[in-house]
């Protein structure tokens, strides 16, 4: 049998955020600023006859957590709902809180568990050198994957150092 032979040195790096990003609006503004402001100096490119922007969102997920409490304040139910857009997340969470049939089924009063909400976005970035890498953002960490040039890590780290929410 033939062996696999390494042909590239692909790296990953993670930064854990000391205080989770406060809310979905702050998170979304952060993501949009990377796409709009392009702090990594990425460039657009073409592959397989398709134009790609310098930085593009390739995956996103937003999870709303709800708890249901009885009259004594004890948890009598929970709900977790995942959405693929910020709009779906905010609209869906509000609709769930107002869903009388679900509230009745749980026999409790619904409340958002904001601290347990989760957000995640993957950004595909194209470095001027031609290298494509991913920046993954969640409420609690930033990860850089599929890069080989240390200059890319330095750019992402310099940007993260300049964003208070990513301390």
C-alpha atoms as a PDB file:
ATOM      1  CA  UNK A   1       0.000   0.000   0.000  1.00  0.00           C
ATOM      2  CA  UNK A   2       1.129   3.516  -0.741  1.00  0.00           C
ATOM      3  CA  UNK A   3       1.711   5.973   2.100  1.00  0.00           C
ATOM      4  CA  UNK A   4       0.336   9.469   2.313  1.00  0.00           C
ATOM      5  CA  UNK A   5       3.076  12.028   1.833  1.00  0.00           C
ATOM      6  CA  UNK A   6       2.749  15.509   3.302  1.00  0.00           C
ATOM      7  CA  UNK A   7       2.745  18.124   0.565  1.00  0.00           C
ATOM      8  CA  UNK A   8       1.975  21.297   2.493  1.00  0.00           C
ATOM      9  CA  UNK A   9       2.244  22.665   5.979  1.00  0.00           C
ATOM     10  CA  UNK A  10      -1.296  23.817   6.778  1.00  0.00           C
ATOM     11  CA  UNK A  11      -1.783  25.398  10.181  1.00  0.00           C
ATOM     12  CA  UNK A  12      -4.532  26.491  12.511  1.00  0.00           C
ATOM     13  CA  UNK A  13      -4.614  28.912  15.427  1.00  0.00           C
ATOM     14  CA  UNK A  14      -7.249  29.748  18.039  1.00  0.00           C
ATOM     15  CA  UNK A  15      -7.885  32.787  20.229  1.00  0.00           C
ATOM     16  CA  UNK A  16     -10.257  32.304  23.135  1.00  0.00           C
ATOM     17  CA  UNK A  17     -12.267  35.417  23.922  1.00  0.00           C
ATOM     18  CA  UNK A  18     -12.242  36.243  27.650  1.00  0.00           C
ATOM     19  CA  UNK A  19     -15.825  37.593  27.719  1.00  0.00           C
ATOM     20  CA  UNK A  20     -18.331  36.137  25.218  1.00  0.00           C
ATOM     21  CA  UNK A  21     -19.559  38.588  22.599  1.00  0.00           C
ATOM     22  CA  UNK A  22     -22.572  40.263  24.181  1.00  0.00           C
ATOM     23  CA  UNK A  23     -25.312  39.808  21.602  1.00  0.00           C
ATOM     24  CA  UNK A  24     -26.103  38.881  18.031  1.00  0.00           C
ATOM     25  CA  UNK A  25     -26.097  42.517  16.853  1.00  0.00           C
ATOM     26  CA  UNK A  26     -22.541  43.051  18.130  1.00  0.00           C
ATOM     27  CA  UNK A  27     -21.483  39.739  16.601  1.00  0.00           C
ATOM     28  CA  UNK A  28     -23.095  40.552  13.243  1.00  0.00           C
ATOM     29  CA  UNK A  29     -21.498  44.026  13.173  1.00  0.00           C
ATOM     30  CA  UNK A  30     -18.109  42.423  13.777  1.00  0.00           C
ATOM     31  CA  UNK A  31     -18.594  39.933  10.939  1.00  0.00           C
ATOM     32  CA  UNK A  32     -19.870  42.614   8.543  1.00  0.00           C
ATOM     33  CA  UNK A  33     -16.916  44.862   9.371  1.00  0.00           C
ATOM     34  CA  UNK A  34     -14.497  42.112   8.329  1.00  0.00           C
ATOM     35  CA  UNK A  35     -16.378  41.615   5.049  1.00  0.00           C
ATOM     36  CA  UNK A  36     -16.744  45.347   4.329  1.00  0.00           C
ATOM     37  CA  UNK A  37     -13.479  46.749   5.697  1.00  0.00           C
ATOM     38  CA  UNK A  38     -11.264  43.792   4.667  1.00  0.00           C
ATOM     39  CA  UNK A  39      -8.717  44.280   7.476  1.00  0.00           C
ATOM     40  CA  UNK A  40      -6.576  41.376   6.204  1.00  0.00           C
ATOM     41  CA  UNK A  41      -5.960  43.000   2.810  1.00  0.00           C
ATOM     42  CA  UNK A  42      -7.546  40.125   0.891  1.00  0.00           C
ATOM     43  CA  UNK A  43      -8.211  40.248  -2.852  1.00  0.00           C
ATOM     44  CA  UNK A  44     -11.030  38.968  -5.022  1.00  0.00           C
ATOM     45  CA  UNK A  45     -10.331  36.000  -7.252  1.00  0.00           C
ATOM     46  CA  UNK A  46     -11.803  33.707  -9.876  1.00  0.00           C
ATOM     47  CA  UNK A  47     -12.004  29.948  -9.717  1.00  0.00           C
ATOM     48  CA  UNK A  48     -13.897  27.517 -11.935  1.00  0.00           C
ATOM     49  CA  UNK A  49     -15.235  30.484 -13.916  1.00  0.00           C
ATOM     50  CA  UNK A  50     -16.816  32.065 -10.841  1.00  0.00           C
ATOM     51  CA  UNK A  51     -15.826  35.400  -9.289  1.00  0.00           C
ATOM     52  CA  UNK A  52     -15.361  35.417  -5.527  1.00  0.00           C
ATOM     53  CA  UNK A  53     -15.072  38.456  -3.265  1.00  0.00           C
ATOM     54  CA  UNK A  54     -11.926  38.962  -1.209  1.00  0.00           C
ATOM     55  CA  UNK A  55     -13.763  37.892   1.964  1.00  0.00           C
ATOM     56  CA  UNK A  56     -16.969  35.879   1.797  1.00  0.00           C
ATOM     57  CA  UNK A  57     -19.265  34.320   4.343  1.00  0.00           C
ATOM     58  CA  UNK A  58     -19.472  30.607   3.606  1.00  0.00           C
ATOM     59  CA  UNK A  59     -21.335  29.322   6.641  1.00  0.00           C
ATOM     60  CA  UNK A  60     -23.355  30.781   9.493  1.00  0.00           C
ATOM     61  CA  UNK A  61     -25.411  29.449  12.366  1.00  0.00           C
ATOM     62  CA  UNK A  62     -27.307  31.167  15.177  1.00  0.00           C
ATOM     63  CA  UNK A  63     -28.769  29.206  18.093  1.00  0.00           C
ATOM     64  CA  UNK A  64     -31.432  30.602  20.429  1.00  0.00           C
ATOM     65  CA  UNK A  65     -31.901  28.987  23.840  1.00  0.00           C
ATOM     66  CA  UNK A  66     -35.093  29.271  25.847  1.00  0.00           C
ATOM     67  CA  UNK A  67     -36.014  28.048  29.289  1.00  0.00           C
ATOM     68  CA  UNK A  68     -39.477  27.498  30.726  1.00  0.00           C
ATOM     69  CA  UNK A  69     -39.982  27.996  34.455  1.00  0.00           C
ATOM     70  CA  UNK A  70     -42.891  27.033  36.676  1.00  0.00           C
ATOM     71  CA  UNK A  71     -44.420  29.295  39.343  1.00  0.00           C
ATOM     72  CA  UNK A  72     -41.677  28.309  41.802  1.00  0.00           C
ATOM     73  CA  UNK A  73     -38.940  29.401  39.381  1.00  0.00           C
ATOM     74  CA  UNK A  74     -37.860  25.837  38.654  1.00  0.00           C
ATOM     75  CA  UNK A  75     -36.968  24.910  35.110  1.00  0.00           C
ATOM     76  CA  UNK A  76     -39.705  22.733  33.619  1.00  0.00           C
ATOM     77  CA  UNK A  77     -38.534  22.787  30.008  1.00  0.00           C
ATOM     78  CA  UNK A  78     -35.951  24.029  27.558  1.00  0.00           C
ATOM     79  CA  UNK A  79     -35.814  24.703  23.849  1.00  0.00           C
ATOM     80  CA  UNK A  80     -32.959  25.091  21.409  1.00  0.00           C
ATOM     81  CA  UNK A  81     -33.564  26.426  17.918  1.00  0.00           C
ATOM     82  CA  UNK A  82     -30.952  26.930  15.213  1.00  0.00           C
ATOM     83  CA  UNK A  83     -31.275  29.469  12.409  1.00  0.00           C
ATOM     84  CA  UNK A  84     -29.075  30.161   9.385  1.00  0.00           C
ATOM     85  CA  UNK A  85     -29.466  33.963   9.342  1.00  0.00           C
ATOM     86  CA  UNK A  86     -29.453  36.758  11.907  1.00  0.00           C
ATOM     87  CA  UNK A  87     -32.932  37.784  10.767  1.00  0.00           C
ATOM     88  CA  UNK A  88     -34.235  34.246  11.222  1.00  0.00           C
ATOM     89  CA  UNK A  89     -32.619  34.129  14.659  1.00  0.00           C
ATOM     90  CA  UNK A  90     -34.135  37.362  15.947  1.00  0.00           C
ATOM     91  CA  UNK A  91     -37.557  36.778  14.379  1.00  0.00           C
ATOM     92  CA  UNK A  92     -37.636  33.118  15.364  1.00  0.00           C
ATOM     93  CA  UNK A  93     -36.650  33.734  18.989  1.00  0.00           C
ATOM     94  CA  UNK A  94     -39.415  36.327  19.346  1.00  0.00           C
ATOM     95  CA  UNK A  95     -41.955  34.006  17.744  1.00  0.00           C
ATOM     96  CA  UNK A  96     -40.970  31.173  20.071  1.00  0.00           C
ATOM     97  CA  UNK A  97     -41.458  33.363  23.128  1.00  0.00           C
ATOM     98  CA  UNK A  98     -44.940  34.259  21.854  1.00  0.00           C
ATOM     99  CA  UNK A  99     -45.936  30.676  20.936  1.00  0.00           C
ATOM    100  CA  UNK A 100     -48.795  30.024  23.365  1.00  0.00           C
ATOM    101  CA  UNK A 101     -49.140  26.348  22.429  1.00  0.00           C
ATOM    102  CA  UNK A 102     -45.458  25.656  23.156  1.00  0.00           C
ATOM    103  CA  UNK A 103     -45.618  27.587  26.422  1.00  0.00           C
ATOM    104  CA  UNK A 104     -48.713  25.633  27.436  1.00  0.00           C
ATOM    105  CA  UNK A 105     -47.052  22.332  26.567  1.00  0.00           C
ATOM    106  CA  UNK A 106     -44.090  23.186  28.803  1.00  0.00           C
ATOM    107  CA  UNK A 107     -46.439  24.316  31.591  1.00  0.00           C
ATOM    108  CA  UNK A 108     -44.140  27.211  32.356  1.00  0.00           C
ATOM    109  CA  UNK A 109     -43.237  30.777  31.504  1.00  0.00           C
ATOM    110  CA  UNK A 110     -40.708  31.175  28.654  1.00  0.00           C
ATOM    111  CA  UNK A 111     -37.566  33.280  28.939  1.00  0.00           C
ATOM    112  CA  UNK A 112     -34.544  33.704  26.726  1.00  0.00           C
ATOM    113  CA  UNK A 113     -31.317  32.190  28.021  1.00  0.00           C
ATOM    114  CA  UNK A 114     -29.145  34.824  26.361  1.00  0.00           C
ATOM    115  CA  UNK A 115     -25.926  33.573  27.929  1.00  0.00           C
ATOM    116  CA  UNK A 116     -26.414  30.193  26.235  1.00  0.00           C
ATOM    117  CA  UNK A 117     -27.204  31.585  22.772  1.00  0.00           C
ATOM    118  CA  UNK A 118     -24.564  30.649  20.197  1.00  0.00           C
ATOM    119  CA  UNK A 119     -23.393  32.306  16.980  1.00  0.00           C
ATOM    120  CA  UNK A 120     -20.891  31.019  14.431  1.00  0.00           C
ATOM    121  CA  UNK A 121     -19.692  32.305  11.067  1.00  0.00           C
ATOM    122  CA  UNK A 122     -17.000  31.059   8.715  1.00  0.00           C
ATOM    123  CA  UNK A 123     -15.315  33.594   6.446  1.00  0.00           C
ATOM    124  CA  UNK A 124     -13.330  32.449   3.428  1.00  0.00           C
ATOM    125  CA  UNK A 125     -10.436  34.810   2.772  1.00  0.00           C
ATOM    126  CA  UNK A 126      -8.139  35.075  -0.260  1.00  0.00           C
ATOM    127  CA  UNK A 127      -4.687  36.417   0.515  1.00  0.00           C
ATOM    128  CA  UNK A 128      -2.839  38.416  -2.194  1.00  0.00           C
ATOM    129  CA  UNK A 129      -0.297  35.564  -2.224  1.00  0.00           C
ATOM    130  CA  UNK A 130      -3.041  33.292  -3.588  1.00  0.00           C
ATOM    131  CA  UNK A 131      -3.544  31.378  -0.355  1.00  0.00           C
ATOM    132  CA  UNK A 132      -7.123  30.742   0.748  1.00  0.00           C
ATOM    133  CA  UNK A 133      -7.785  30.458   4.478  1.00  0.00           C
ATOM    134  CA  UNK A 134     -10.746  30.503   6.854  1.00  0.00           C
ATOM    135  CA  UNK A 135     -11.516  32.782   9.788  1.00  0.00           C
ATOM    136  CA  UNK A 136     -14.122  31.213  12.066  1.00  0.00           C
ATOM    137  CA  UNK A 137     -15.874  33.466  14.568  1.00  0.00           C
ATOM    138  CA  UNK A 138     -18.049  32.396  17.488  1.00  0.00           C
ATOM    139  CA  UNK A 139     -19.172  34.158  20.661  1.00  0.00           C
ATOM    140  CA  UNK A 140     -16.200  32.743  22.536  1.00  0.00           C
ATOM    141  CA  UNK A 141     -13.344  32.334  20.070  1.00  0.00           C
ATOM    142  CA  UNK A 142     -11.739  33.239  16.789  1.00  0.00           C
ATOM    143  CA  UNK A 143      -9.966  30.536  14.873  1.00  0.00           C
ATOM    144  CA  UNK A 144      -7.797  30.741  11.809  1.00  0.00           C
ATOM    145  CA  UNK A 145      -7.566  27.572   9.743  1.00  0.00           C
ATOM    146  CA  UNK A 146      -6.020  26.265   6.545  1.00  0.00           C
ATOM    147  CA  UNK A 147      -3.186  28.765   6.323  1.00  0.00           C
ATOM    148  CA  UNK A 148       0.519  28.163   5.836  1.00  0.00           C
ATOM    149  CA  UNK A 149       2.086  31.638   5.661  1.00  0.00           C
ATOM    150  CA  UNK A 150       2.791  33.071   9.137  1.00  0.00           C
ATOM    151  CA  UNK A 151       2.164  36.560   7.726  1.00  0.00           C
ATOM    152  CA  UNK A 152      -1.530  35.623   7.498  1.00  0.00           C
ATOM    153  CA  UNK A 153      -1.662  34.723  11.185  1.00  0.00           C
ATOM    154  CA  UNK A 154       0.081  38.000  11.989  1.00  0.00           C
ATOM    155  CA  UNK A 155      -2.529  39.990  10.004  1.00  0.00           C
ATOM    156  CA  UNK A 156      -5.452  38.242  11.690  1.00  0.00           C
ATOM    157  CA  UNK A 157      -3.864  38.563  15.114  1.00  0.00           C
ATOM    158  CA  UNK A 158      -3.147  42.269  14.596  1.00  0.00           C
ATOM    159  CA  UNK A 159      -6.778  42.806  13.604  1.00  0.00           C
ATOM    160  CA  UNK A 160      -8.077  40.800  16.584  1.00  0.00           C
ATOM    161  CA  UNK A 161      -5.837  42.823  18.923  1.00  0.00           C
ATOM    162  CA  UNK A 162      -7.532  46.000  17.637  1.00  0.00           C
ATOM    163  CA  UNK A 163     -11.087  44.767  18.336  1.00  0.00           C
ATOM    164  CA  UNK A 164     -12.123  45.242  21.967  1.00  0.00           C
ATOM    165  CA  UNK A 165     -14.760  42.478  21.799  1.00  0.00           C
ATOM    166  CA  UNK A 166     -12.052  39.948  20.928  1.00  0.00           C
ATOM    167  CA  UNK A 167      -9.823  40.553  23.944  1.00  0.00           C
END
